[in-house]
Amino acid sequence: MDRRDFLKAGVAGLALSAIRGYSAESAEEKAKRVALIGCGWYGKSALFRLLQIAPVEVVALCDVDKNMLAEAAGMVAERQKSRKKPRTYGDYRELLKKEELDIVQISTPDHWHALPMIAAVKAGADVRVEKPISVDVVEGQAMLAAARKYNRVVQVHMQRRSTPHVVEARDRIIREGKLGKIGLVEVYCYYHMRARGNPPDTEPPDYLDYEMWTGPAPMRPYNSLVHPRSWRAFMEYGNGIVGDMCVHMLDMVRFTLDLGWPKRISSSGGILVDKNSKANISDTQTATFDYGDLPIIWQHRSYGDPPNSKYHPWGAAYYGDKGTLWLNVHGYDFVPQGGGQPTHVDVLYEYEKYPEDKTEKDLERHVAAAMRRHWLSLLEAIETRGKPVSDIEEGYISATSCILANVALQLGRTLTFDPVKGLVVGDEEANRLLRRPYRKPWVHPEPEGV
C-alpha cells in the first residue's frame, strides 16, 4: 500500500458513504439539526468544516456577544444548503429549551464547557465540545458521568487523533517498531502566546453581556485582554498554556502510544520572566507525566527561540533506541539511529476538493482536513451509538492530567491520582483543589447529581 492509498484508507476517508453505518443518502432524508454555543473564531472554523461534508442544518446559534452572534448567523446562512439564517440566542438555556437538536457544538471559553455540555445531553443531544473539557477535575467527572447516564455521544475537539499524518506516524513508524524501545517523549510549546500587555480596565462594551460571559468564574473587571480570544491569559477562565497546548500534545502522545493514566505527575515553573503583564498564567513551566518506564516531559516558555526551529515550536519528540520521531501539526520526520533513510511527511491539504479552505478568514489551514475527519468520526458514532475517536473519557484523562500538573506546580510536590476514586492519593490539600468555587448563582456540577 503506497502513501496515497494509506491516507484514503486510514482516517475514515472523505466520502460519507465510506463510513460504516453512515450514508449520504440516509443523511439527506434526515438532515441533523445542529446548534453552536460560542460563535468565536474556532467555533465557526469547526462548524464550517461540518457544513462542507454533511447535509446538516444549523438551526440555532448562541453567544453573549451580539456582534459576534449576528456575524456568525450571516456566515452560516451563506454556507448552508438551505441559505436560512439560524435562530439566535444570548443564553444557552433558552436555546436548549426551545430547540429540538441532534448535535450541539460547544465552543465557548473553557470555564463555560461543563454546564452547557451537561445541559445539552440532558436535552437529548449528542455533543462536540472544545478541549480541554473542563477547568477543574470534578467538572470533567460530572461531564463524563452525564454523557454515560444519558447515553449520548460526546466528542472532544482534540483533532490530533484525526490528523492523517499523525495516524500514519502511529501506524507506519511507531507500531511497526521503527523506533525500537521508546524511553522518553518530549512535548513542548515555544510560541510567544502569553499576553504581554497591561491595558487599563474599562466598562464592557454594550454589545457584550459580560455578566453572562463571566458566568461561574470569578468576576474580574472587564479588560480588553479578556474578550475576544485573549481570555487564556487568566487562570480564572482556563489552565494556562498547559491547559491550552499541552493537552493537545499529551493527548496525541497518549493516542499514538495507546496510553491511559500517568502514574505520577509533577511540575515546576511560574511567572519567571514577564512580571509586568496583567496575565497571571505561567510563562515558564515543565511538567512530567510519569508512565513508569516512559516519562513524558512537557515544557513551555513564551519567550526566546525554540531549541530546534526545524521541527516547529509546538510538537513532540519520541526517542527510541532505533530512531527519533519528530511529530507536530505540520508533519513528521523519522530519523533512524546510526544512519539509514530518514522519512519526511507533510500535513495533508485538500484544496482541490475544498478550495474555500484557501481563502477562509482565520482558518488554520493545516487543521482543516483533521477537523473534517473528526466530524466524520462523530457522525459515525451517532449512527452506530458507538464511541468517536476522541470520546469524552479520553478528553477527561488528558484534561485532568494537565489540570493536575498545575495543581502540582501550585503545591510544589508530585501527585499520584487514583482514577477509580477520582482523587489524589493521600493528599487532602490537593483534593480540595480538584474543584473550583463557582460564582453564585451558578452551581458546580457533581458526578452523582447529573
Protein backbone atom coordinates (compact mmCIF):
# COMPACT_ATOMS: atom_id res chain seq x y z
CA MET A 1 0.00 0.00 0.00
CA ASP A 2 1.51 3.34 -1.03
CA ARG A 3 1.02 6.50 1.00
CA ARG A 4 -1.84 7.81 -1.11
CA ASP A 5 -3.78 4.58 -0.63
CA PHE A 6 -2.89 4.62 3.06
CA LEU A 7 -4.38 8.07 3.54
CA LYS A 8 -7.53 7.09 1.67
CA ALA A 9 -8.00 4.00 3.80
CA GLY A 10 -6.65 5.46 7.02
CA VAL A 11 -8.65 8.14 8.78
CA ALA A 12 -12.21 7.29 7.73
CA GLY A 13 -11.81 8.77 4.24
CA LEU A 14 -13.62 11.81 2.94
CA ALA A 15 -16.77 10.31 1.44
CA LEU A 16 -19.63 9.95 3.88
CA SER A 17 -20.53 6.70 2.14
CA ALA A 18 -17.20 5.28 3.26
CA ILE A 19 -18.23 5.43 6.90
CA ARG A 20 -19.72 2.31 8.35
CA GLY A 21 -23.30 2.95 9.40
CA TYR A 22 -23.50 6.42 7.82
CA SER A 23 -24.56 7.20 4.28
CA ALA A 24 -25.10 10.45 2.46
CA GLU A 25 -28.44 9.15 1.16
CA SER A 26 -29.90 8.43 4.59
CA ALA A 27 -28.45 11.67 5.92
CA GLU A 28 -30.20 13.67 3.19
CA GLU A 29 -33.53 12.26 4.31
CA LYS A 30 -32.99 13.30 7.91
CA ALA A 31 -30.57 16.22 7.98
CA LYS A 32 -29.33 16.59 11.52
CA ARG A 33 -30.27 19.77 13.36
CA VAL A 34 -27.19 21.46 14.74
CA ALA A 35 -26.65 24.31 17.21
CA LEU A 36 -23.44 26.15 18.03
CA ILE A 37 -22.90 27.59 21.51
CA GLY A 38 -19.96 30.01 21.35
CA CYS A 39 -19.61 31.73 17.97
CA GLY A 40 -15.99 32.83 18.14
CA TRP A 41 -13.11 32.04 15.84
CA TYR A 42 -12.64 28.34 16.44
CA GLY A 43 -16.30 27.53 16.83
CA LYS A 44 -17.06 28.87 13.36
CA SER A 45 -13.98 27.20 11.85
CA ALA A 46 -15.09 23.79 13.10
CA LEU A 47 -18.75 24.31 12.20
CA PHE A 48 -17.91 25.31 8.62
CA ARG A 49 -15.93 22.08 8.17
CA LEU A 50 -19.08 20.15 9.11
CA LEU A 51 -21.08 22.08 6.53
CA GLN A 52 -18.51 21.04 3.91
CA ILE A 53 -19.09 17.33 4.40
CA ALA A 54 -22.59 16.65 5.74
CA PRO A 55 -26.13 17.73 4.81
CA VAL A 56 -26.88 19.17 8.24
CA GLU A 57 -29.00 22.20 9.08
CA VAL A 58 -27.61 24.72 11.55
CA VAL A 59 -30.82 25.85 13.21
CA ALA A 60 -29.55 27.90 16.15
CA LEU A 61 -26.59 29.87 17.42
CA CYS A 62 -25.82 31.22 20.88
CA ASP A 63 -23.35 33.84 22.06
CA VAL A 64 -23.17 36.59 24.67
CA ASP A 65 -21.54 38.94 22.12
CA LYS A 66 -24.34 40.34 19.94
CA ASN A 67 -21.98 41.45 17.18
CA MET A 68 -20.25 38.09 17.00
CA LEU A 69 -23.60 36.32 17.03
CA ALA A 70 -25.03 38.37 14.16
CA GLU A 71 -21.89 37.91 12.07
CA ALA A 72 -21.94 34.16 12.63
CA ALA A 73 -25.60 33.91 11.61
CA GLY A 74 -24.86 35.62 8.31
CA MET A 75 -21.82 33.44 7.63
CA VAL A 76 -23.76 30.25 8.33
CA ALA A 77 -26.58 31.33 6.01
CA GLU A 78 -24.08 31.86 3.21
CA ARG A 79 -22.65 28.38 3.66
CA GLN A 80 -25.51 26.03 4.41
CA LYS A 81 -27.61 24.49 1.69
CA SER A 82 -30.93 25.98 2.80
CA ARG A 83 -29.45 29.52 2.97
CA LYS A 84 -31.55 30.02 6.11
CA LYS A 85 -30.25 32.12 8.96
CA PRO A 86 -30.12 30.22 12.24
CA ARG A 87 -32.18 31.48 15.15
CA THR A 88 -30.02 33.36 17.64
CA TYR A 89 -29.89 33.32 21.45
CA GLY A 90 -27.91 35.05 24.18
CA ASP A 91 -28.47 32.29 26.76
CA TYR A 92 -27.76 28.60 26.07
CA ARG A 93 -30.53 27.56 28.45
CA GLU A 94 -33.14 29.29 26.34
CA LEU A 95 -31.72 27.69 23.19
CA LEU A 96 -31.83 24.19 24.65
CA LYS A 97 -35.36 24.76 25.96
CA LYS A 98 -36.80 25.97 22.64
CA GLU A 99 -34.88 23.97 20.02
CA GLU A 100 -35.10 20.30 19.09
CA LEU A 101 -31.50 19.35 18.36
CA ASP A 102 -29.45 16.39 17.21
CA ILE A 103 -25.95 17.86 17.68
CA VAL A 104 -24.74 20.67 19.90
CA GLN A 105 -21.28 22.10 19.35
CA ILE A 106 -19.84 23.88 22.40
CA SER A 107 -17.03 26.30 21.54
CA THR A 108 -17.13 28.66 24.49
CA PRO A 109 -14.15 29.65 26.67
CA ASP A 110 -13.05 26.79 28.91
CA HIS A 111 -14.92 27.93 32.03
CA TRP A 112 -18.18 27.57 30.10
CA HIS A 113 -17.74 23.98 28.84
CA ALA A 114 -19.21 21.93 31.66
CA LEU A 115 -22.66 23.42 32.27
CA PRO A 116 -23.79 23.67 28.61
CA MET A 117 -22.46 20.19 27.79
CA ILE A 118 -24.32 18.60 30.68
CA ALA A 119 -27.47 20.55 29.83
CA ALA A 120 -27.22 19.51 26.16
CA VAL A 121 -27.01 15.79 26.88
CA LYS A 122 -29.90 16.10 29.32
CA ALA A 123 -31.87 17.68 26.47
CA GLY A 124 -31.17 14.62 24.31
CA ALA A 125 -28.46 15.98 22.01
CA ASP A 126 -25.12 14.48 21.07
CA VAL A 127 -22.26 16.90 21.67
CA ARG A 128 -18.95 18.06 20.33
CA VAL A 129 -17.08 20.10 22.94
CA GLU A 130 -13.82 22.01 22.68
CA LYS A 131 -10.76 20.93 24.58
CA PRO A 132 -9.92 20.87 27.40
CA ILE A 133 -13.26 19.57 28.52
CA SER A 134 -13.14 21.37 31.87
CA VAL A 135 -11.31 23.85 34.08
CA ASP A 136 -11.34 21.56 37.10
CA VAL A 137 -11.30 17.82 37.68
CA VAL A 138 -14.77 17.46 39.21
CA GLU A 139 -16.34 19.25 36.23
CA GLY A 140 -14.77 16.64 33.97
CA GLN A 141 -16.05 13.82 36.14
CA ALA A 142 -19.57 15.25 36.01
CA MET A 143 -19.38 15.66 32.23
CA LEU A 144 -18.28 12.06 31.73
CA ALA A 145 -20.98 10.81 34.11
CA ALA A 146 -23.66 12.82 32.29
CA ALA A 147 -22.62 11.51 28.87
CA ARG A 148 -22.87 7.93 30.09
CA LYS A 149 -26.07 8.41 32.13
CA TYR A 150 -28.00 9.91 29.24
CA ASN A 151 -26.39 7.61 26.64
CA ARG A 152 -25.17 10.46 24.47
CA VAL A 153 -22.20 10.56 22.13
CA VAL A 154 -19.78 13.25 23.27
CA GLN A 155 -16.66 14.03 21.25
CA VAL A 156 -13.86 16.30 22.41
CA HIS A 157 -12.25 18.53 19.81
CA MET A 158 -8.76 17.07 20.18
CA GLN A 159 -8.29 16.62 16.46
CA ARG A 160 -4.74 15.29 16.51
CA ARG A 161 -6.47 11.91 16.78
CA SER A 162 -7.99 12.58 13.35
CA THR A 163 -4.93 14.15 11.72
CA PRO A 164 -3.88 11.98 8.73
CA HIS A 165 -0.12 12.29 9.19
CA VAL A 166 -0.40 11.63 12.95
CA VAL A 167 -2.30 8.41 12.27
CA GLU A 168 0.25 7.49 9.63
CA ALA A 169 3.17 8.12 12.01
CA ARG A 170 1.49 5.94 14.61
CA ASP A 171 0.85 3.08 12.18
CA ARG A 172 3.94 3.22 9.98
CA ILE A 173 6.63 4.34 12.40
CA ILE A 174 5.60 3.51 15.97
CA ARG A 175 3.52 0.36 15.51
CA GLU A 176 5.94 -1.10 13.00
CA GLY A 177 8.66 -0.84 15.64
CA LYS A 178 10.93 1.54 13.75
CA LEU A 179 11.67 3.49 16.93
CA GLY A 180 12.51 0.37 18.91
CA LYS A 181 12.16 0.80 22.67
CA ILE A 182 10.87 4.32 23.38
CA GLY A 183 12.44 5.65 26.55
CA LEU A 184 11.39 9.30 26.51
CA VAL A 185 8.88 11.59 24.85
CA GLU A 186 9.27 15.35 24.98
CA VAL A 187 6.29 17.60 24.27
CA TYR A 188 6.73 21.33 24.04
CA CYS A 189 5.43 24.75 23.03
CA TYR A 190 7.60 27.80 22.45
CA TYR A 191 5.02 30.11 20.89
CA HIS A 192 5.10 33.65 22.25
CA MET A 193 1.42 33.29 23.04
CA ARG A 194 1.14 34.69 26.55
CA ALA A 195 -0.37 38.18 26.66
CA ARG A 196 2.32 40.73 27.49
CA GLY A 197 0.20 43.87 27.58
CA ASN A 198 -1.18 45.78 30.52
CA PRO A 199 -4.20 47.71 29.20
CA PRO A 200 -6.45 49.52 31.67
CA ASP A 201 -9.68 48.01 32.93
CA THR A 202 -12.78 49.55 31.35
CA GLU A 203 -16.52 49.16 31.22
CA PRO A 204 -17.52 46.22 28.99
CA PRO A 205 -18.82 47.13 25.53
CA ASP A 206 -22.60 47.43 25.23
CA TYR A 207 -22.82 44.51 22.79
CA LEU A 208 -21.28 42.08 25.31
CA ASP A 209 -23.21 40.55 28.21
CA TYR A 210 -20.16 40.44 30.48
CA GLU A 211 -22.11 39.10 33.46
CA MET A 212 -23.14 36.06 31.41
CA TRP A 213 -19.70 35.80 29.79
CA THR A 214 -18.14 35.51 33.26
CA GLY A 215 -20.76 33.01 34.41
CA PRO A 216 -19.42 30.67 37.11
CA ALA A 217 -15.90 32.16 37.01
CA PRO A 218 -14.73 34.83 39.46
CA MET A 219 -15.81 38.32 38.43
CA ARG A 220 -12.87 40.38 37.23
CA PRO A 221 -13.04 43.96 35.98
CA TYR A 222 -13.57 43.94 32.22
CA ASN A 223 -10.36 44.25 30.23
CA SER A 224 -9.69 44.12 26.51
CA LEU A 225 -7.40 41.16 27.13
CA VAL A 226 -10.42 39.08 28.11
CA HIS A 227 -12.61 39.24 25.00
CA PRO A 228 -12.33 38.17 22.29
CA ARG A 229 -9.74 35.40 22.23
CA SER A 230 -7.27 36.61 24.88
CA TRP A 231 -9.07 35.16 27.91
CA ARG A 232 -6.46 32.39 28.18
CA ALA A 233 -4.19 34.97 29.79
CA PHE A 234 -6.06 34.40 33.05
CA MET A 235 -6.29 31.30 35.21
CA GLU A 236 -9.83 32.27 36.17
CA TYR A 237 -11.04 31.02 32.77
CA GLY A 238 -8.70 28.15 31.95
CA ASN A 239 -5.47 26.40 32.84
CA GLY A 240 -2.88 28.48 31.05
CA ILE A 241 -0.64 27.15 28.31
CA VAL A 242 -0.64 23.68 29.87
CA GLY A 243 -4.43 23.55 29.61
CA ASP A 244 -4.40 25.01 26.11
CA MET A 245 -1.42 23.49 24.30
CA CYS A 246 -0.04 20.66 26.44
CA VAL A 247 -3.44 18.95 26.47
CA HIS A 248 -3.29 18.61 22.67
CA MET A 249 0.22 17.16 22.57
CA LEU A 250 -0.17 14.94 25.62
CA ASP A 251 -3.35 13.57 24.08
CA MET A 252 -1.56 12.99 20.78
CA VAL A 253 1.17 11.00 22.55
CA ARG A 254 -1.40 9.02 24.52
CA PHE A 255 -3.22 8.26 21.25
CA THR A 256 -0.14 7.18 19.30
CA LEU A 257 1.26 5.06 22.16
CA ASP A 258 -2.09 3.77 23.48
CA LEU A 259 -1.55 5.18 26.97
CA GLY A 260 -4.07 5.73 29.73
CA TRP A 261 -3.45 7.50 33.04
CA PRO A 262 0.03 8.59 34.15
CA LYS A 263 1.22 7.06 37.41
CA ARG A 264 2.59 10.32 38.83
CA ILE A 265 2.55 13.98 37.80
CA SER A 266 4.96 16.73 38.81
CA SER A 267 5.57 20.27 37.62
CA SER A 268 7.73 23.35 38.20
CA GLY A 269 7.94 26.88 36.84
CA GLY A 270 5.86 30.03 37.14
CA ILE A 271 5.98 33.63 36.01
CA LEU A 272 9.75 33.87 35.80
CA VAL A 273 10.36 36.47 33.09
CA ASP A 274 7.38 38.70 32.29
CA LYS A 275 6.26 40.04 35.64
CA ASN A 276 4.60 43.23 34.34
CA SER A 277 1.74 41.88 32.24
CA LYS A 278 -1.79 41.55 33.59
CA ALA A 279 -1.63 37.88 32.56
CA ASN A 280 -1.48 35.53 35.55
CA ILE A 281 -0.63 32.26 33.75
CA SER A 282 2.90 30.86 33.83
CA ASP A 283 5.40 31.99 31.20
CA THR A 284 7.71 29.07 32.01
CA GLN A 285 6.66 25.56 33.00
CA THR A 286 7.90 21.99 32.92
CA ALA A 287 5.67 19.02 33.74
CA THR A 288 6.46 15.32 33.90
CA PHE A 289 3.76 12.73 33.24
CA ASP A 290 5.33 9.57 34.59
CA TYR A 291 4.18 6.33 32.95
CA GLY A 292 6.63 4.13 34.82
CA ASP A 293 9.17 3.13 32.20
CA LEU A 294 8.20 6.09 29.99
CA PRO A 295 8.36 9.72 31.13
CA ILE A 296 6.52 12.28 29.00
CA ILE A 297 8.06 15.68 29.70
CA TRP A 298 6.29 18.91 28.78
CA GLN A 299 7.98 22.29 28.53
CA HIS A 300 6.66 25.69 27.55
CA ARG A 301 8.08 29.18 27.64
CA SER A 302 6.61 32.21 25.98
CA TYR A 303 9.88 33.95 25.19
CA GLY A 304 13.14 33.15 23.41
CA ASP A 305 13.68 30.87 20.43
CA PRO A 306 12.79 27.17 20.14
CA PRO A 307 15.80 24.87 20.60
CA ASN A 308 15.22 23.26 17.20
CA SER A 309 13.36 25.53 14.78
CA LYS A 310 13.41 22.85 12.05
CA TYR A 311 10.76 20.88 13.89
CA HIS A 312 8.44 23.78 14.69
CA PRO A 313 7.86 25.39 18.07
CA TRP A 314 4.93 23.14 19.05
CA GLY A 315 5.07 19.36 18.87
CA ALA A 316 6.56 16.15 20.26
CA ALA A 317 9.81 14.21 20.00
CA TYR A 318 9.76 10.42 20.55
CA TYR A 319 13.19 8.99 21.41
CA GLY A 320 13.76 5.29 20.83
CA ASP A 321 16.86 3.11 20.70
CA LYS A 322 16.38 2.67 16.94
CA GLY A 323 15.50 6.22 15.97
CA THR A 324 13.74 9.50 16.69
CA LEU A 325 10.30 10.70 15.58
CA TRP A 326 9.51 14.42 15.41
CA LEU A 327 5.75 14.90 15.18
CA ASN A 328 3.76 18.13 15.03
CA VAL A 329 0.76 19.71 13.35
CA HIS A 330 2.64 20.31 10.09
CA GLY A 331 4.03 16.81 9.51
CA TYR A 332 6.55 14.34 10.84
CA ASP A 333 10.18 13.34 10.46
CA PHE A 334 11.59 9.94 11.33
CA VAL A 335 15.37 9.78 11.70
CA PRO A 336 16.83 6.25 12.06
CA GLN A 337 19.61 5.74 14.57
CA GLY A 338 23.08 5.43 13.04
CA GLY A 339 22.21 6.46 9.51
CA GLY A 340 19.67 4.98 7.18
CA GLN A 341 16.99 6.68 5.13
CA PRO A 342 15.02 9.34 7.01
CA THR A 343 11.30 9.84 6.34
CA HIS A 344 9.60 13.20 5.93
CA VAL A 345 5.82 13.63 5.59
CA ASP A 346 3.89 16.91 5.35
CA VAL A 347 0.41 17.74 6.58
CA LEU A 348 -2.44 16.96 4.20
CA TYR A 349 -4.13 19.89 2.47
CA GLU A 350 -7.26 19.33 0.39
CA TYR A 351 -7.52 22.49 -1.67
CA GLU A 352 -8.65 20.70 -4.81
CA LYS A 353 -11.74 19.33 -3.09
CA TYR A 354 -12.27 22.26 -0.71
CA PRO A 355 -10.87 25.39 -2.40
CA GLU A 356 -12.61 27.62 0.15
CA ASP A 357 -10.00 26.46 2.67
CA LYS A 358 -7.51 28.73 0.90
CA THR A 359 -9.42 31.94 1.49
CA GLU A 360 -11.48 31.49 4.67
CA LYS A 361 -10.60 34.16 7.19
CA ASP A 362 -8.67 32.95 10.25
CA LEU A 363 -8.85 29.26 9.29
CA GLU A 364 -5.87 27.23 10.48
CA ARG A 365 -5.47 25.60 7.07
CA HIS A 366 -3.28 22.77 8.29
CA VAL A 367 -6.10 21.64 10.62
CA ALA A 368 -8.97 21.63 8.11
CA ALA A 369 -8.53 18.01 6.97
CA ALA A 370 -8.32 16.81 10.57
CA MET A 371 -11.46 18.74 11.53
CA ARG A 372 -13.44 17.13 8.73
CA ARG A 373 -12.30 13.64 9.70
CA HIS A 374 -13.08 14.39 13.33
CA TRP A 375 -16.65 15.30 12.37
CA LEU A 376 -16.94 12.14 10.31
CA SER A 377 -15.95 10.08 13.33
CA LEU A 378 -18.63 11.80 15.40
CA LEU A 379 -21.29 11.28 12.72
CA GLU A 380 -20.47 7.59 12.51
CA ALA A 381 -20.62 7.24 16.29
CA ILE A 382 -24.01 8.95 16.34
CA GLU A 383 -25.36 6.50 13.77
CA THR A 384 -23.91 3.41 15.46
CA ARG A 385 -24.20 4.72 19.06
CA GLY A 386 -20.56 3.87 19.50
CA LYS A 387 -17.65 5.99 20.67
CA PRO A 388 -15.95 8.60 18.46
CA VAL A 389 -12.19 8.72 18.03
CA SER A 390 -11.94 11.39 20.75
CA ASP A 391 -14.53 10.17 23.23
CA ILE A 392 -15.35 12.22 26.33
CA GLU A 393 -13.42 9.77 28.53
CA GLU A 394 -10.21 10.35 26.57
CA GLY A 395 -10.80 14.08 26.90
CA TYR A 396 -11.28 13.67 30.64
CA ILE A 397 -7.99 11.78 31.04
CA SER A 398 -5.93 14.29 29.07
CA ALA A 399 -7.55 17.37 30.61
CA THR A 400 -7.33 16.03 34.15
CA SER A 401 -3.67 15.16 33.72
CA CYS A 402 -2.93 18.74 32.68
CA ILE A 403 -5.03 20.23 35.48
CA LEU A 404 -3.11 18.05 37.94
CA ALA A 405 0.16 19.37 36.52
CA ASN A 406 -0.96 22.87 37.51
CA VAL A 407 -2.01 21.64 40.95
CA ALA A 408 1.42 20.01 41.35
CA LEU A 409 3.04 23.32 40.39
CA GLN A 410 0.90 25.21 42.90
CA LEU A 411 1.67 22.80 45.75
CA GLY A 412 5.28 22.10 44.82
CA ARG A 413 5.03 18.32 45.01
CA THR A 414 4.42 15.20 42.95
CA LEU A 415 0.85 13.91 42.78
CA THR A 416 -0.50 10.38 42.35
CA PHE A 417 -4.07 10.26 41.06
CA ASP A 418 -6.42 7.35 41.61
CA PRO A 419 -8.71 7.36 38.54
CA VAL A 420 -11.15 4.89 40.14
CA LYS A 421 -11.77 7.05 43.21
CA GLY A 422 -11.20 10.27 41.28
CA LEU A 423 -8.90 11.59 43.99
CA VAL A 424 -5.23 12.37 44.61
CA VAL A 425 -3.81 9.63 46.80
CA GLY A 426 -3.03 10.73 50.36
CA ASP A 427 -3.21 14.48 49.71
CA GLU A 428 -6.28 16.28 51.06
CA GLU A 429 -4.89 19.70 50.16
CA ALA A 430 -4.59 18.64 46.54
CA ASN A 431 -8.07 17.12 46.58
CA ARG A 432 -9.56 20.43 47.72
CA LEU A 433 -8.11 21.96 44.54
CA LEU A 434 -9.90 19.49 42.24
CA ARG A 435 -13.00 21.68 42.42
CA ARG A 436 -13.03 25.43 41.79
CA PRO A 437 -15.55 27.59 43.62
CA TYR A 438 -18.45 28.70 41.40
CA ARG A 439 -19.72 32.26 41.48
CA LYS A 440 -23.34 32.49 42.58
CA PRO A 441 -25.97 31.78 41.38
CA TRP A 442 -24.20 29.13 39.29
CA VAL A 443 -23.90 25.71 40.93
CA HIS A 444 -20.94 23.41 40.38
CA PRO A 445 -21.96 20.11 38.72
CA GLU A 446 -21.41 16.87 40.63
CA PRO A 447 -20.86 13.40 39.11
CA GLU A 448 -23.56 11.96 41.36
CA GLY A 449 -26.08 14.66 40.64
CA VAL A 450 -26.15 14.83 36.85
